[in-house]
Amino acid sequence: KATDDALWLVSSGWETVLFVNSAYSSVWGQPEAAFRADPTSFLDAVHPDDRPQAERAVDRLTEGESVELELRADPTAEFERRVLLQAEPIFDSTGSVARIAGASREVTEQRAQQRRLREQQQTVNSIFNALPDVLYTFDTQGYLLRWNDQLEAETGYTSSEIEEMYITDF
């Protein structure tokens, strides 16, 4: 298996699957055979609240627009799976859409990691901003990385000025 991404190619009117790789089922939580039988069947694997957005994406692709969207997918997993869908129309020599090529990738874990990182950043920010004293961090070269509002209040420097300063400038 060369990729975990579901790769697919369909006819311009979404009638025929011209290609789909074996990763389709693991990404969408739906049998590859269902997609082969009806290329729009992937919509059945999309959370009902996300379906209108997915349906608009199908229309946009048919009209010749590129799309990138993230959807909740896989009813067997209670739609907890996050899928990033990216697709491009392929035009013939007359400028008409001849095919639509796409890739779908499960991004559930990446989104969970991003959420955890945001939460950690919020915690650190709240600690920095809650302290009444000056607090700052700097890298191994001596350039400031982060500081609380108290540093600006105590020194009179603005945030943009502090960004350019070296630790010994104080």
Protein backbone atom coordinates (compact mmCIF):
# COMPACT_ATOMS: atom_id res chain seq x y z
CA LYS A 1 0.00 0.00 0.00
CA ALA A 2 1.69 3.16 -1.20
CA THR A 3 -0.55 5.69 0.56
CA ASP A 4 -3.18 5.94 3.27
CA ASP A 5 -4.99 8.58 1.19
CA ALA A 6 -8.04 7.58 -0.81
CA LEU A 7 -7.33 8.52 -4.42
CA TRP A 8 -10.12 8.58 -6.97
CA LEU A 9 -11.05 9.65 -10.46
CA VAL A 10 -14.65 9.98 -11.63
CA SER A 11 -16.42 11.05 -14.80
CA SER A 12 -17.47 14.69 -15.09
CA GLY A 13 -21.10 13.92 -14.26
CA TRP A 14 -20.27 11.62 -11.35
CA GLU A 15 -21.73 8.60 -13.18
CA THR A 16 -18.63 6.41 -13.39
CA VAL A 17 -15.66 5.66 -11.19
CA LEU A 18 -12.61 5.53 -13.43
CA PHE A 19 -10.20 4.77 -10.58
CA VAL A 20 -10.28 4.34 -6.83
CA ASN A 21 -7.54 2.88 -4.68
CA SER A 22 -7.86 0.45 -1.79
CA ALA A 23 -7.57 3.16 0.88
CA TYR A 24 -11.11 4.39 0.13
CA SER A 25 -12.82 2.07 2.63
CA SER A 26 -10.49 2.90 5.49
CA VAL A 27 -10.82 6.66 4.96
CA TRP A 28 -14.58 6.88 4.43
CA GLY A 29 -15.74 3.86 6.47
CA GLN A 30 -17.77 2.72 3.48
CA PRO A 31 -17.15 -0.17 1.10
CA GLU A 32 -15.21 0.66 -2.02
CA ALA A 33 -17.86 -1.29 -3.95
CA ALA A 34 -20.53 1.24 -2.93
CA PHE A 35 -18.43 4.06 -4.35
CA ARG A 36 -17.78 2.10 -7.54
CA ALA A 37 -21.52 1.48 -7.95
CA ASP A 38 -22.39 5.15 -7.37
CA PRO A 39 -19.66 7.79 -7.05
CA THR A 40 -21.97 10.10 -5.10
CA SER A 41 -22.52 7.38 -2.48
CA PHE A 42 -19.66 8.90 -0.49
CA LEU A 43 -22.28 11.44 0.61
CA ASP A 44 -23.94 8.64 2.62
CA ALA A 45 -20.74 8.41 4.68
CA VAL A 46 -20.82 12.16 5.46
CA HIS A 47 -22.43 13.52 8.62
CA PRO A 48 -25.94 14.80 7.82
CA ASP A 49 -25.01 18.34 8.93
CA ASP A 50 -22.02 18.33 6.55
CA ARG A 51 -23.86 16.87 3.56
CA PRO A 52 -25.10 20.18 2.13
CA GLN A 53 -21.51 21.44 2.04
CA ALA A 54 -20.37 18.18 0.41
CA GLU A 55 -23.19 18.35 -2.14
CA ARG A 56 -22.19 21.92 -3.03
CA ALA A 57 -18.62 20.69 -3.49
CA VAL A 58 -19.84 18.06 -5.97
CA ASP A 59 -21.69 20.79 -7.88
CA ARG A 60 -18.68 23.12 -7.81
CA LEU A 61 -16.41 20.40 -9.15
CA THR A 62 -18.88 19.60 -11.92
CA GLU A 63 -18.88 23.30 -12.80
CA GLY A 64 -15.09 23.37 -12.99
CA GLU A 65 -14.02 24.65 -9.57
CA SER A 66 -11.43 23.11 -7.27
CA VAL A 67 -12.53 22.21 -3.76
CA GLU A 68 -10.97 21.57 -0.40
CA LEU A 69 -13.13 20.86 2.59
CA GLU A 70 -13.11 18.93 5.81
CA LEU A 71 -16.04 16.71 6.66
CA ARG A 72 -17.18 14.51 9.50
CA ALA A 73 -17.48 11.01 8.08
CA ASP A 74 -18.06 7.31 8.75
CA PRO A 75 -21.44 6.50 10.27
CA THR A 76 -19.97 3.26 11.68
CA ALA A 77 -17.73 5.43 13.88
CA GLU A 78 -20.58 7.79 14.79
CA PHE A 79 -19.11 10.39 12.42
CA GLU A 80 -16.14 10.98 14.73
CA ARG A 81 -13.74 10.64 11.80
CA ARG A 82 -12.51 13.85 10.13
CA VAL A 83 -11.79 13.61 6.40
CA LEU A 84 -10.03 16.24 4.34
CA LEU A 85 -11.28 16.10 0.77
CA GLN A 86 -9.32 17.83 -2.00
CA ALA A 87 -10.45 17.58 -5.61
CA GLU A 88 -9.76 19.15 -8.98
CA PRO A 89 -11.66 19.18 -12.24
CA ILE A 90 -9.72 17.96 -15.28
CA PHE A 91 -10.58 19.79 -18.47
CA ASP A 92 -10.61 18.50 -22.05
CA SER A 93 -9.26 20.41 -25.06
CA THR A 94 -12.53 22.38 -25.39
CA GLY A 95 -12.36 23.60 -21.79
CA SER A 96 -15.16 21.35 -20.55
CA VAL A 97 -14.82 19.27 -17.40
CA ALA A 98 -13.90 15.76 -18.55
CA ARG A 99 -13.04 14.13 -15.22
CA ILE A 100 -12.71 14.92 -11.57
CA ALA A 101 -9.69 13.77 -9.59
CA GLY A 102 -9.59 13.73 -5.84
CA ALA A 103 -7.81 12.67 -2.72
CA SER A 104 -9.30 12.12 0.71
CA ARG A 105 -7.26 11.84 3.88
CA GLU A 106 -8.29 11.03 7.41
CA VAL A 107 -7.17 13.92 9.62
CA THR A 108 -8.89 12.93 12.87
CA GLU A 109 -5.70 12.54 14.90
CA GLN A 110 -4.08 15.67 13.46
CA ARG A 111 -7.15 17.72 14.44
CA ALA A 112 -7.10 16.21 17.93
CA GLN A 113 -3.40 17.09 18.27
CA GLN A 114 -4.10 20.64 17.08
CA ARG A 115 -6.92 20.96 19.62
CA ARG A 116 -4.65 19.69 22.43
CA LEU A 117 -1.91 22.11 21.37
CA ARG A 118 -4.38 25.04 21.38
CA GLU A 119 -5.52 24.03 24.86
CA GLN A 120 -1.92 23.86 26.09
CA GLN A 121 -1.18 27.25 24.53
CA GLN A 122 -4.22 28.72 26.24
CA THR A 123 -3.04 27.33 29.56
CA VAL A 124 0.44 28.79 29.11
CA ASN A 125 -1.03 32.13 28.00
CA SER A 126 -3.25 32.26 31.06
CA ILE A 127 -0.25 31.57 33.32
CA PHE A 128 1.85 34.23 31.58
CA ASN A 129 -0.91 36.82 31.77
CA ALA A 130 -2.00 36.04 35.34
CA LEU A 131 1.40 36.75 36.88
CA PRO A 132 1.85 40.23 38.31
CA ASP A 133 5.62 40.05 37.74
CA VAL A 134 7.61 40.25 34.52
CA LEU A 135 7.92 36.87 32.84
CA TYR A 136 9.65 36.09 29.59
CA THR A 137 11.38 33.24 27.80
CA PHE A 138 14.21 33.38 25.32
CA ASP A 139 15.92 30.97 22.94
CA THR A 140 19.51 29.70 23.12
CA GLN A 141 20.71 32.67 21.05
CA GLY A 142 19.20 35.12 23.53
CA TYR A 143 16.19 36.31 21.53
CA LEU A 144 12.88 36.68 23.31
CA LEU A 145 10.27 34.08 22.47
CA ARG A 146 7.39 35.00 24.77
CA TRP A 147 6.63 37.55 27.43
CA ASN A 148 3.72 38.75 29.45
CA ASP A 149 2.07 42.16 29.32
CA GLN A 150 3.95 43.16 32.47
CA LEU A 151 7.24 43.27 30.52
CA GLU A 152 5.79 45.89 28.19
CA ALA A 153 4.34 47.83 31.14
CA GLU A 154 7.64 47.78 33.06
CA THR A 155 9.95 48.59 30.15
CA GLY A 156 7.73 50.89 28.09
CA TYR A 157 8.57 48.94 24.92
CA THR A 158 5.83 47.81 22.57
CA SER A 159 5.34 44.20 21.60
CA SER A 160 6.75 44.80 18.11
CA GLU A 161 9.85 46.48 19.61
CA ILE A 162 10.39 43.61 22.04
CA GLU A 163 10.16 41.09 19.20
CA GLU A 164 13.33 42.60 17.71
CA MET A 165 15.29 42.77 20.97
CA TYR A 166 18.05 40.63 22.33
CA ILE A 167 17.87 39.62 26.00
CA THR A 168 20.85 41.81 26.96
CA ASP A 169 19.11 44.87 25.45
CA PHE A 170 17.31 45.18 28.77
